[in-house]
Amino acid sequence: GQNSNCLRVLLEPQGHRYGIKFRLRVRLSKVSRMRVFVLTLLAMIAFAGNSLLCRQALKRTTIDAASFTFIRILSGAVALWLVVMLRKGTRPKAGNWASALALFAYAAAFSFAYISLSAGTGALLLFGAVQATMIIWGLGQGERLRTRQWLGLALAVGGLVALLFPGLSAPPINGALLMLCAGIAWGFYSLRGKGAGDPVTTTAGNFWRAVVFASLLSIALLPWARLDRAGLGYAALSGAIASGVGYVIWYSALPGLKAASAATMQLSVPVLAAAGGILFLGESITLRFLLASIAVLGGITLVVT
């Protein structure tokens, strides 16, 4: 009561300006949290779409992995260059070679791994490696998980395993190692993005630098190149929309997330990809999918909240 009266006395002579500022600050905080949530959700949808496009191209067309990687990165670079030019009227000069190398390593290893891996095994290995990389980094930087968060993490991983692993044979060692490398590279790329400046120009700069690495790979494997119209289309969509735009959104969301939360959020991508397969590829829905989805998303909620 006394504190309330004192606060009223302090505020009334100022025409309640401070009270207005306080309420505005609370509303802005809620808006900020909602913005991070929406950006993260959109990024996860983009990544799931990227998985569907890659699965279509590398499994149902004749395009080779090196050409797919090159077209994917090049189309992403062109799309981001157009965005930067429309916004600022200058060429993207941000980004750095280390992040570009991590981006290229992820994209190339991802493509080549799917030559021998099934989609479920590949997704399990990829996002397991991403999660482990980012959480280990976060713990090394002083982040700590509470008991409830560890339980949520275990629930999410268990749901992912239940969705993807039963019925699959042991993966080929070469493909498994490639996908683990892809996950580690993507984890480092995401971590480097937490300290980036403008996400659009940074991502554009990284993509243009990654084109150099992808070009060298394509030239080295030119005798084995195979192209078709459908494969080129999937690669272009994967690069321009699901990769380029998706990474910009992810970069924008990362500053509002801890490393452990960012890692665990990405466990939702295989579930979203499976849902996309049901909606767009004619795959049937199963009870196992529903239960695994509840486990994964419920575990993510425990970790993030």
C-alpha atoms as a PDB file:
ATOM      1  CA  GLY A   1       0.000   0.000   0.000  1.00  0.00           C
ATOM      2  CA  GLN A   2       2.701   2.517   0.908  1.00  0.00           C
ATOM      3  CA  ASN A   3       4.708   1.597  -2.180  1.00  0.00           C
ATOM      4  CA  SER A   4       1.619   2.096  -4.336  1.00  0.00           C
ATOM      5  CA  ASN A   5       0.960   5.532  -2.788  1.00  0.00           C
ATOM      6  CA  CYS A   6       4.586   6.590  -3.252  1.00  0.00           C
ATOM      7  CA  LEU A   7       4.478   5.439  -6.864  1.00  0.00           C
ATOM      8  CA  ARG A   8       1.249   7.377  -7.414  1.00  0.00           C
ATOM      9  CA  VAL A   9       2.776  10.532  -5.944  1.00  0.00           C
ATOM     10  CA  LEU A  10       5.818  10.186  -8.195  1.00  0.00           C
ATOM     11  CA  LEU A  11       3.761   9.621 -11.313  1.00  0.00           C
ATOM     12  CA  GLU A  12       0.951  12.142 -10.912  1.00  0.00           C
ATOM     13  CA  PRO A  13       3.111  15.312 -11.171  1.00  0.00           C
ATOM     14  CA  GLN A  14       4.470  14.047 -14.461  1.00  0.00           C
ATOM     15  CA  GLY A  15       1.065  13.493 -16.011  1.00  0.00           C
ATOM     16  CA  HIS A  16       1.543   9.699 -15.799  1.00  0.00           C
ATOM     17  CA  ARG A  17       4.286   9.843 -18.437  1.00  0.00           C
ATOM     18  CA  TYR A  18       6.371   7.247 -16.599  1.00  0.00           C
ATOM     19  CA  GLY A  19       3.397   4.949 -16.198  1.00  0.00           C
ATOM     20  CA  ILE A  20       2.760   5.222 -19.933  1.00  0.00           C
ATOM     21  CA  LYS A  21       6.407   4.452 -20.642  1.00  0.00           C
ATOM     22  CA  PHE A  22       6.287   1.427 -18.341  1.00  0.00           C
ATOM     23  CA  ARG A  23       3.199   0.017 -20.029  1.00  0.00           C
ATOM     24  CA  LEU A  24       4.754   0.676 -23.427  1.00  0.00           C
ATOM     25  CA  ARG A  25       7.931  -1.144 -22.398  1.00  0.00           C
ATOM     26  CA  VAL A  26       5.902  -4.191 -21.299  1.00  0.00           C
ATOM     27  CA  ARG A  27       4.031  -4.209 -24.606  1.00  0.00           C
ATOM     28  CA  LEU A  28       7.246  -3.900 -26.598  1.00  0.00           C
ATOM     29  CA  SER A  29       8.687  -6.842 -24.654  1.00  0.00           C
ATOM     30  CA  LYS A  30       5.686  -8.964 -25.602  1.00  0.00           C
ATOM     31  CA  VAL A  31       5.974  -7.848 -29.224  1.00  0.00           C
ATOM     32  CA  SER A  32       9.673  -8.748 -29.207  1.00  0.00           C
ATOM     33  CA  ARG A  33       8.982 -12.259 -27.898  1.00  0.00           C
ATOM     34  CA  MET A  34       6.216 -12.762 -30.437  1.00  0.00           C
ATOM     35  CA  ARG A  35       8.529 -11.568 -33.215  1.00  0.00           C
ATOM     36  CA  VAL A  36      11.187 -14.135 -32.239  1.00  0.00           C
ATOM     37  CA  PHE A  37       8.543 -16.878 -32.125  1.00  0.00           C
ATOM     38  CA  VAL A  38       7.122 -16.003 -35.558  1.00  0.00           C
ATOM     39  CA  LEU A  39      10.565 -15.699 -37.159  1.00  0.00           C
ATOM     40  CA  THR A  40      11.667 -19.021 -35.697  1.00  0.00           C
ATOM     41  CA  LEU A  41       8.500 -20.758 -36.890  1.00  0.00           C
ATOM     42  CA  LEU A  42       8.909 -19.369 -40.419  1.00  0.00           C
ATOM     43  CA  ALA A  43      12.556 -20.456 -40.493  1.00  0.00           C
ATOM     44  CA  MET A  44      11.667 -23.999 -39.442  1.00  0.00           C
ATOM     45  CA  ILE A  45       8.984 -24.166 -42.159  1.00  0.00           C
ATOM     46  CA  ALA A  46      11.536 -22.981 -44.721  1.00  0.00           C
ATOM     47  CA  PHE A  47      14.051 -25.613 -43.611  1.00  0.00           C
ATOM     48  CA  ALA A  48      11.399 -28.318 -43.797  1.00  0.00           C
ATOM     49  CA  GLY A  49      10.538 -27.151 -47.314  1.00  0.00           C
ATOM     50  CA  ASN A  50      14.206 -27.322 -48.172  1.00  0.00           C
ATOM     51  CA  SER A  51      14.309 -30.955 -47.035  1.00  0.00           C
ATOM     52  CA  LEU A  52      11.327 -31.792 -49.216  1.00  0.00           C
ATOM     53  CA  LEU A  53      12.855 -30.102 -52.269  1.00  0.00           C
ATOM     54  CA  CYS A  54      16.202 -31.834 -51.761  1.00  0.00           C
ATOM     55  CA  ARG A  55      14.497 -35.188 -51.293  1.00  0.00           C
ATOM     56  CA  GLN A  56      12.535 -34.709 -54.500  1.00  0.00           C
ATOM     57  CA  ALA A  57      15.548 -33.644 -56.552  1.00  0.00           C
ATOM     58  CA  LEU A  58      18.131 -36.146 -55.355  1.00  0.00           C
ATOM     59  CA  LYS A  59      15.782 -39.125 -55.228  1.00  0.00           C
ATOM     60  CA  ARG A  60      13.401 -38.575 -58.154  1.00  0.00           C
ATOM     61  CA  THR A  61      15.463 -36.733 -60.777  1.00  0.00           C
ATOM     62  CA  THR A  62      18.823 -37.428 -62.408  1.00  0.00           C
ATOM     63  CA  ILE A  63      20.677 -34.317 -61.197  1.00  0.00           C
ATOM     64  CA  ASP A  64      23.981 -35.094 -59.464  1.00  0.00           C
ATOM     65  CA  ALA A  65      24.841 -33.914 -55.970  1.00  0.00           C
ATOM     66  CA  ALA A  66      27.596 -31.473 -56.998  1.00  0.00           C
ATOM     67  CA  SER A  67      25.397 -29.743 -59.584  1.00  0.00           C
ATOM     68  CA  PHE A  68      22.502 -29.570 -57.146  1.00  0.00           C
ATOM     69  CA  THR A  69      24.769 -27.960 -54.556  1.00  0.00           C
ATOM     70  CA  PHE A  70      26.106 -25.402 -57.046  1.00  0.00           C
ATOM     71  CA  ILE A  71      22.659 -24.411 -58.381  1.00  0.00           C
ATOM     72  CA  ARG A  72      21.256 -24.254 -54.863  1.00  0.00           C
ATOM     73  CA  ILE A  73      23.966 -21.913 -53.578  1.00  0.00           C
ATOM     74  CA  LEU A  74      24.068 -19.798 -56.760  1.00  0.00           C
ATOM     75  CA  SER A  75      20.300 -19.255 -56.843  1.00  0.00           C
ATOM     76  CA  GLY A  76      20.361 -18.350 -53.155  1.00  0.00           C
ATOM     77  CA  ALA A  77      23.151 -15.839 -53.782  1.00  0.00           C
ATOM     78  CA  VAL A  78      21.276 -14.225 -56.704  1.00  0.00           C
ATOM     79  CA  ALA A  79      18.018 -13.965 -54.740  1.00  0.00           C
ATOM     80  CA  LEU A  80      19.767 -12.381 -51.763  1.00  0.00           C
ATOM     81  CA  TRP A  81      21.715  -9.985 -54.010  1.00  0.00           C
ATOM     82  CA  LEU A  82      18.402  -8.751 -55.442  1.00  0.00           C
ATOM     83  CA  VAL A  83      17.007  -8.250 -51.931  1.00  0.00           C
ATOM     84  CA  VAL A  84      20.069  -6.253 -50.839  1.00  0.00           C
ATOM     85  CA  MET A  85      20.020  -4.134 -53.996  1.00  0.00           C
ATOM     86  CA  LEU A  86      16.344  -3.302 -53.510  1.00  0.00           C
ATOM     87  CA  ARG A  87      16.933  -2.361 -49.858  1.00  0.00           C
ATOM     88  CA  LYS A  88      20.243  -0.499 -49.996  1.00  0.00           C
ATOM     89  CA  GLY A  89      21.213  -0.111 -53.639  1.00  0.00           C
ATOM     90  CA  THR A  90      24.708  -1.520 -52.991  1.00  0.00           C
ATOM     91  CA  ARG A  91      26.387  -4.878 -53.427  1.00  0.00           C
ATOM     92  CA  PRO A  92      26.478  -7.159 -50.366  1.00  0.00           C
ATOM     93  CA  LYS A  93      29.925  -6.848 -48.772  1.00  0.00           C
ATOM     94  CA  ALA A  94      29.174  -8.346 -45.352  1.00  0.00           C
ATOM     95  CA  GLY A  95      29.773 -11.940 -44.300  1.00  0.00           C
ATOM     96  CA  ASN A  96      33.105 -13.721 -44.102  1.00  0.00           C
ATOM     97  CA  TRP A  97      34.945 -16.659 -45.626  1.00  0.00           C
ATOM     98  CA  ALA A  98      34.752 -18.845 -42.505  1.00  0.00           C
ATOM     99  CA  SER A  99      30.942 -18.696 -42.435  1.00  0.00           C
ATOM    100  CA  ALA A 100      30.829 -19.219 -46.200  1.00  0.00           C
ATOM    101  CA  LEU A 101      32.961 -22.339 -45.868  1.00  0.00           C
ATOM    102  CA  ALA A 102      30.659 -23.690 -43.153  1.00  0.00           C
ATOM    103  CA  LEU A 103      27.635 -22.953 -45.361  1.00  0.00           C
ATOM    104  CA  PHE A 104      29.215 -24.725 -48.342  1.00  0.00           C
ATOM    105  CA  ALA A 105      30.357 -27.690 -46.216  1.00  0.00           C
ATOM    106  CA  TYR A 106      26.815 -28.165 -44.937  1.00  0.00           C
ATOM    107  CA  ALA A 107      25.205 -27.934 -48.386  1.00  0.00           C
ATOM    108  CA  ALA A 108      27.726 -30.201 -50.126  1.00  0.00           C
ATOM    109  CA  ALA A 109      27.880 -32.869 -47.415  1.00  0.00           C
ATOM    110  CA  PHE A 110      24.081 -32.837 -47.161  1.00  0.00           C
ATOM    111  CA  SER A 111      23.678 -33.481 -50.887  1.00  0.00           C
ATOM    112  CA  PHE A 112      26.292 -36.224 -51.155  1.00  0.00           C
ATOM    113  CA  ALA A 113      25.062 -37.977 -48.005  1.00  0.00           C
ATOM    114  CA  TYR A 114      21.598 -38.391 -49.478  1.00  0.00           C
ATOM    115  CA  ILE A 115      23.001 -40.442 -52.336  1.00  0.00           C
ATOM    116  CA  SER A 116      23.268 -43.425 -49.964  1.00  0.00           C
ATOM    117  CA  LEU A 117      21.092 -42.492 -46.963  1.00  0.00           C
ATOM    118  CA  SER A 118      17.348 -42.752 -46.611  1.00  0.00           C
ATOM    119  CA  ALA A 119      15.537 -39.544 -45.781  1.00  0.00           C
ATOM    120  CA  GLY A 120      14.697 -40.617 -42.224  1.00  0.00           C
ATOM    121  CA  THR A 121      18.215 -41.741 -41.330  1.00  0.00           C
ATOM    122  CA  GLY A 122      19.720 -38.609 -42.877  1.00  0.00           C
ATOM    123  CA  ALA A 123      17.423 -36.258 -40.954  1.00  0.00           C
ATOM    124  CA  LEU A 124      18.116 -38.089 -37.685  1.00  0.00           C
ATOM    125  CA  LEU A 125      21.890 -37.847 -38.149  1.00  0.00           C
ATOM    126  CA  LEU A 126      21.787 -34.233 -39.385  1.00  0.00           C
ATOM    127  CA  PHE A 127      19.701 -32.691 -36.641  1.00  0.00           C
ATOM    128  CA  GLY A 128      21.288 -34.839 -33.960  1.00  0.00           C
ATOM    129  CA  ALA A 129      24.669 -33.419 -34.967  1.00  0.00           C
ATOM    130  CA  VAL A 130      23.277 -29.864 -35.136  1.00  0.00           C
ATOM    131  CA  GLN A 131      21.752 -30.181 -31.691  1.00  0.00           C
ATOM    132  CA  ALA A 132      24.876 -31.666 -30.129  1.00  0.00           C
ATOM    133  CA  THR A 133      27.136 -29.001 -31.668  1.00  0.00           C
ATOM    134  CA  MET A 134      25.058 -26.038 -30.498  1.00  0.00           C
ATOM    135  CA  ILE A 135      24.304 -27.382 -27.027  1.00  0.00           C
ATOM    136  CA  ILE A 136      27.951 -28.309 -26.355  1.00  0.00           C
ATOM    137  CA  TRP A 137      28.949 -24.817 -27.498  1.00  0.00           C
ATOM    138  CA  GLY A 138      26.291 -23.206 -25.299  1.00  0.00           C
ATOM    139  CA  LEU A 139      27.352 -25.187 -22.246  1.00  0.00           C
ATOM    140  CA  GLY A 140      30.954 -24.213 -22.915  1.00  0.00           C
ATOM    141  CA  GLN A 141      29.895 -20.557 -22.980  1.00  0.00           C
ATOM    142  CA  GLY A 142      28.214 -20.815 -19.589  1.00  0.00           C
ATOM    143  CA  GLU A 143      24.627 -21.669 -20.533  1.00  0.00           C
ATOM    144  CA  ARG A 144      23.000 -24.191 -18.180  1.00  0.00           C
ATOM    145  CA  LEU A 145      19.941 -26.397 -18.592  1.00  0.00           C
ATOM    146  CA  ARG A 146      17.527 -27.017 -15.739  1.00  0.00           C
ATOM    147  CA  THR A 147      16.213 -30.488 -14.942  1.00  0.00           C
ATOM    148  CA  ARG A 148      12.964 -29.773 -16.787  1.00  0.00           C
ATOM    149  CA  GLN A 149      14.934 -28.692 -19.849  1.00  0.00           C
ATOM    150  CA  TRP A 150      17.016 -31.880 -19.822  1.00  0.00           C
ATOM    151  CA  LEU A 151      13.779 -33.872 -19.608  1.00  0.00           C
ATOM    152  CA  GLY A 152      12.344 -31.877 -22.503  1.00  0.00           C
ATOM    153  CA  LEU A 153      15.462 -32.465 -24.558  1.00  0.00           C
ATOM    154  CA  ALA A 154      15.297 -36.209 -23.882  1.00  0.00           C
ATOM    155  CA  LEU A 155      11.597 -36.230 -24.813  1.00  0.00           C
ATOM    156  CA  ALA A 156      12.255 -34.400 -28.080  1.00  0.00           C
ATOM    157  CA  VAL A 157      15.116 -36.699 -29.064  1.00  0.00           C
ATOM    158  CA  GLY A 158      13.076 -39.755 -28.119  1.00  0.00           C
ATOM    159  CA  GLY A 159      10.180 -38.591 -30.266  1.00  0.00           C
ATOM    160  CA  LEU A 160      12.506 -37.957 -33.193  1.00  0.00           C
ATOM    161  CA  VAL A 161      14.015 -41.437 -32.870  1.00  0.00           C
ATOM    162  CA  ALA A 162      10.540 -42.984 -32.645  1.00  0.00           C
ATOM    163  CA  LEU A 163       9.512 -41.163 -35.824  1.00  0.00           C
ATOM    164  CA  LEU A 164      12.571 -41.872 -37.939  1.00  0.00           C
ATOM    165  CA  PHE A 165      14.590 -44.804 -36.673  1.00  0.00           C
ATOM    166  CA  PRO A 166      12.421 -47.948 -36.249  1.00  0.00           C
ATOM    167  CA  GLY A 167      12.569 -50.239 -39.260  1.00  0.00           C
ATOM    168  CA  LEU A 168      15.654 -48.653 -40.775  1.00  0.00           C
ATOM    169  CA  SER A 169      18.848 -50.644 -41.196  1.00  0.00           C
ATOM    170  CA  ALA A 170      22.211 -49.327 -40.073  1.00  0.00           C
ATOM    171  CA  PRO A 171      23.218 -46.484 -42.427  1.00  0.00           C
ATOM    172  CA  PRO A 172      26.237 -46.772 -44.748  1.00  0.00           C
ATOM    173  CA  ILE A 173      29.276 -45.461 -42.914  1.00  0.00           C
ATOM    174  CA  ASN A 174      30.334 -43.014 -45.643  1.00  0.00           C
ATOM    175  CA  GLY A 175      26.916 -41.412 -45.921  1.00  0.00           C
ATOM    176  CA  ALA A 176      26.535 -41.306 -42.131  1.00  0.00           C
ATOM    177  CA  LEU A 177      29.870 -39.532 -41.683  1.00  0.00           C
ATOM    178  CA  LEU A 178      28.998 -37.023 -44.410  1.00  0.00           C
ATOM    179  CA  MET A 179      25.660 -36.202 -42.784  1.00  0.00           C
ATOM    180  CA  LEU A 180      27.277 -35.818 -39.361  1.00  0.00           C
ATOM    181  CA  CYS A 181      29.756 -33.381 -40.925  1.00  0.00           C
ATOM    182  CA  ALA A 182      26.834 -31.505 -42.510  1.00  0.00           C
ATOM    183  CA  GLY A 183      25.152 -31.188 -39.104  1.00  0.00           C
ATOM    184  CA  ILE A 184      28.326 -29.941 -37.417  1.00  0.00           C
ATOM    185  CA  ALA A 185      28.867 -27.377 -40.203  1.00  0.00           C
ATOM    186  CA  TRP A 186      25.280 -26.134 -39.953  1.00  0.00           C
ATOM    187  CA  GLY A 187      25.589 -25.884 -36.178  1.00  0.00           C
ATOM    188  CA  PHE A 188      28.704 -23.711 -36.468  1.00  0.00           C
ATOM    189  CA  TYR A 189      27.079 -21.592 -39.182  1.00  0.00           C
ATOM    190  CA  SER A 190      24.085 -20.949 -36.915  1.00  0.00           C
ATOM    191  CA  LEU A 191      26.327 -20.099 -33.961  1.00  0.00           C
ATOM    192  CA  ARG A 192      28.344 -17.640 -36.048  1.00  0.00           C
ATOM    193  CA  GLY A 193      25.056 -16.060 -37.123  1.00  0.00           C
ATOM    194  CA  LYS A 194      24.236 -15.101 -33.532  1.00  0.00           C
ATOM    195  CA  GLY A 195      26.891 -12.382 -33.659  1.00  0.00           C
ATOM    196  CA  ALA A 196      26.188 -11.237 -37.214  1.00  0.00           C
ATOM    197  CA  GLY A 197      25.080  -7.712 -38.086  1.00  0.00           C
ATOM    198  CA  ASP A 198      22.349  -7.140 -40.663  1.00  0.00           C
ATOM    199  CA  PRO A 199      21.094 -10.679 -41.436  1.00  0.00           C
ATOM    200  CA  VAL A 200      20.242  -9.985 -45.090  1.00  0.00           C
ATOM    201  CA  THR A 201      23.582  -8.523 -46.138  1.00  0.00           C
ATOM    202  CA  THR A 202      25.508 -11.024 -43.994  1.00  0.00           C
ATOM    203  CA  THR A 203      23.725 -14.012 -45.497  1.00  0.00           C
ATOM    204  CA  ALA A 204      24.073 -12.588 -49.012  1.00  0.00           C
ATOM    205  CA  GLY A 205      27.796 -12.107 -48.540  1.00  0.00           C
ATOM    206  CA  ASN A 206      28.200 -15.633 -47.214  1.00  0.00           C
ATOM    207  CA  PHE A 207      26.276 -17.096 -50.149  1.00  0.00           C
ATOM    208  CA  TRP A 208      28.381 -15.244 -52.730  1.00  0.00           C
ATOM    209  CA  ARG A 209      31.569 -16.469 -51.089  1.00  0.00           C
ATOM    210  CA  ALA A 210      30.167 -20.010 -50.943  1.00  0.00           C
ATOM    211  CA  VAL A 211      29.580 -19.892 -54.730  1.00  0.00           C
ATOM    212  CA  VAL A 212      33.368 -19.957 -55.145  1.00  0.00           C
ATOM    213  CA  PHE A 213      33.661 -23.223 -53.198  1.00  0.00           C
ATOM    214  CA  ALA A 214      30.671 -24.751 -55.001  1.00  0.00           C
ATOM    215  CA  SER A 215      32.147 -23.796 -58.393  1.00  0.00           C
ATOM    216  CA  LEU A 216      35.426 -25.520 -57.565  1.00  0.00           C
ATOM    217  CA  LEU A 217      33.538 -28.654 -56.522  1.00  0.00           C
ATOM    218  CA  SER A 218      31.466 -28.689 -59.721  1.00  0.00           C
ATOM    219  CA  ILE A 219      34.554 -28.223 -61.907  1.00  0.00           C
ATOM    220  CA  ALA A 220      36.371 -31.036 -60.116  1.00  0.00           C
ATOM    221  CA  LEU A 221      33.413 -33.418 -60.638  1.00  0.00           C
ATOM    222  CA  LEU A 222      32.397 -32.155 -64.094  1.00  0.00           C
ATOM    223  CA  PRO A 223      32.870 -35.579 -65.796  1.00  0.00           C
ATOM    224  CA  TRP A 224      30.127 -36.996 -63.564  1.00  0.00           C
ATOM    225  CA  ALA A 225      27.706 -34.061 -63.972  1.00  0.00           C
ATOM    226  CA  ARG A 226      24.084 -34.885 -64.824  1.00  0.00           C
ATOM    227  CA  LEU A 227      21.382 -32.277 -65.312  1.00  0.00           C
ATOM    228  CA  ASP A 228      17.678 -32.292 -66.007  1.00  0.00           C
ATOM    229  CA  ARG A 229      15.004 -29.607 -65.995  1.00  0.00           C
ATOM    230  CA  ALA A 230      13.140 -30.846 -62.925  1.00  0.00           C
ATOM    231  CA  GLY A 231      16.323 -31.195 -60.892  1.00  0.00           C
ATOM    232  CA  LEU A 232      17.437 -27.687 -61.816  1.00  0.00           C
ATOM    233  CA  GLY A 233      14.047 -26.316 -60.803  1.00  0.00           C
ATOM    234  CA  TYR A 234      14.116 -28.018 -57.414  1.00  0.00           C
ATOM    235  CA  ALA A 235      17.671 -26.815 -56.805  1.00  0.00           C
ATOM    236  CA  ALA A 236      16.756 -23.226 -57.715  1.00  0.00           C
ATOM    237  CA  LEU A 237      13.740 -23.223 -55.388  1.00  0.00           C
ATOM    238  CA  SER A 238      15.813 -24.811 -52.651  1.00  0.00           C
ATOM    239  CA  GLY A 239      18.467 -22.117 -52.944  1.00  0.00           C
ATOM    240  CA  ALA A 240      16.411 -18.982 -53.544  1.00  0.00           C
ATOM    241  CA  ILE A 241      13.433 -19.576 -51.270  1.00  0.00           C
ATOM    242  CA  ALA A 242      14.015 -22.349 -48.737  1.00  0.00           C
ATOM    243  CA  SER A 243      17.737 -21.642 -48.224  1.00  0.00           C
ATOM    244  CA  GLY A 244      18.389 -17.952 -48.945  1.00  0.00           C
ATOM    245  CA  VAL A 245      15.205 -16.466 -47.519  1.00  0.00           C
ATOM    246  CA  GLY A 246      15.050 -19.135 -44.809  1.00  0.00           C
ATOM    247  CA  TYR A 247      18.561 -18.332 -43.565  1.00  0.00           C
ATOM    248  CA  VAL A 248      17.798 -14.607 -43.462  1.00  0.00           C
ATOM    249  CA  ILE A 249      14.794 -15.313 -41.246  1.00  0.00           C
ATOM    250  CA  TRP A 250      16.860 -17.676 -39.062  1.00  0.00           C
ATOM    251  CA  TYR A 251      19.626 -15.104 -38.683  1.00  0.00           C
ATOM    252  CA  SER A 252      17.003 -12.572 -37.571  1.00  0.00           C
ATOM    253  CA  ALA A 253      15.621 -14.943 -34.924  1.00  0.00           C
ATOM    254  CA  LEU A 254      18.936 -16.198 -33.523  1.00  0.00           C
ATOM    255  CA  PRO A 255      19.811 -13.169 -31.334  1.00  0.00           C
ATOM    256  CA  GLY A 256      16.645 -13.812 -29.312  1.00  0.00           C
ATOM    257  CA  LEU A 257      17.434 -17.481 -28.672  1.00  0.00           C
ATOM    258  CA  LYS A 258      19.935 -19.261 -26.468  1.00  0.00           C
ATOM    259  CA  ALA A 259      22.139 -21.810 -28.212  1.00  0.00           C
ATOM    260  CA  ALA A 260      20.395 -24.746 -26.531  1.00  0.00           C
ATOM    261  CA  SER A 261      16.940 -23.411 -27.450  1.00  0.00           C
ATOM    262  CA  ALA A 262      18.018 -22.740 -31.044  1.00  0.00           C
ATOM    263  CA  ALA A 263      19.410 -26.259 -31.319  1.00  0.00           C
ATOM    264  CA  THR A 264      16.300 -27.909 -29.911  1.00  0.00           C
ATOM    265  CA  MET A 265      13.928 -25.862 -32.083  1.00  0.00           C
ATOM    266  CA  GLN A 266      15.547 -27.431 -35.151  1.00  0.00           C
ATOM    267  CA  LEU A 267      14.375 -30.859 -33.998  1.00  0.00           C
ATOM    268  CA  SER A 268      10.938 -29.796 -35.255  1.00  0.00           C
ATOM    269  CA  VAL A 269      12.145 -29.712 -38.871  1.00  0.00           C
ATOM    270  CA  PRO A 270      11.939 -33.488 -39.507  1.00  0.00           C
ATOM    271  CA  VAL A 271       8.419 -33.499 -38.075  1.00  0.00           C
ATOM    272  CA  LEU A 272       7.421 -30.572 -40.296  1.00  0.00           C
ATOM    273  CA  ALA A 273       9.063 -32.281 -43.275  1.00  0.00           C
ATOM    274  CA  ALA A 274       7.108 -35.460 -42.578  1.00  0.00           C
ATOM    275  CA  ALA A 275       3.910 -33.392 -42.388  1.00  0.00           C
ATOM    276  CA  GLY A 276       4.845 -31.788 -45.720  1.00  0.00           C
ATOM    277  CA  GLY A 277       5.304 -35.245 -47.201  1.00  0.00           C
ATOM    278  CA  ILE A 278       1.791 -36.159 -46.080  1.00  0.00           C
ATOM    279  CA  LEU A 279       0.274 -32.956 -47.486  1.00  0.00           C
ATOM    280  CA  PHE A 280       2.236 -32.551 -50.720  1.00  0.00           C
ATOM    281  CA  LEU A 281       3.769 -35.934 -51.577  1.00  0.00           C
ATOM    282  CA  GLY A 282       0.778 -38.147 -50.838  1.00  0.00           C
ATOM    283  CA  GLU A 283       2.338 -39.986 -47.898  1.00  0.00           C
ATOM    284  CA  SER A 284      -0.086 -41.531 -45.409  1.00  0.00           C
ATOM    285  CA  ILE A 285      -0.449 -40.331 -41.819  1.00  0.00           C
ATOM    286  CA  THR A 286       0.214 -42.844 -39.028  1.00  0.00           C
ATOM    287  CA  LEU A 287      -0.347 -43.036 -35.271  1.00  0.00           C
ATOM    288  CA  ARG A 288       3.434 -43.188 -34.809  1.00  0.00           C
ATOM    289  CA  PHE A 289       3.776 -39.868 -36.620  1.00  0.00           C
ATOM    290  CA  LEU A 290       1.150 -38.209 -34.431  1.00  0.00           C
ATOM    291  CA  LEU A 291       2.668 -39.500 -31.160  1.00  0.00           C
ATOM    292  CA  ALA A 292       6.220 -38.630 -32.239  1.00  0.00           C
ATOM    293  CA  SER A 293       5.132 -35.133 -33.255  1.00  0.00           C
ATOM    294  CA  ILE A 294       3.568 -34.549 -29.835  1.00  0.00           C
ATOM    295  CA  ALA A 295       6.757 -35.772 -28.143  1.00  0.00           C
ATOM    296  CA  VAL A 296       9.102 -33.637 -30.259  1.00  0.00           C
ATOM    297  CA  LEU A 297       7.077 -30.423 -30.065  1.00  0.00           C
ATOM    298  CA  GLY A 298       6.288 -30.978 -26.378  1.00  0.00           C
ATOM    299  CA  GLY A 299       9.975 -31.490 -25.590  1.00  0.00           C
ATOM    300  CA  ILE A 300      10.892 -28.341 -27.510  1.00  0.00           C
ATOM    301  CA  THR A 301       8.325 -26.399 -25.495  1.00  0.00           C
ATOM    302  CA  LEU A 302       9.873 -27.590 -22.215  1.00  0.00           C
ATOM    303  CA  VAL A 303      13.365 -26.536 -23.283  1.00  0.00           C
ATOM    304  CA  VAL A 304      12.410 -23.137 -24.702  1.00  0.00           C
ATOM    305  CA  THR A 305      10.057 -22.066 -21.883  1.00  0.00           C
END
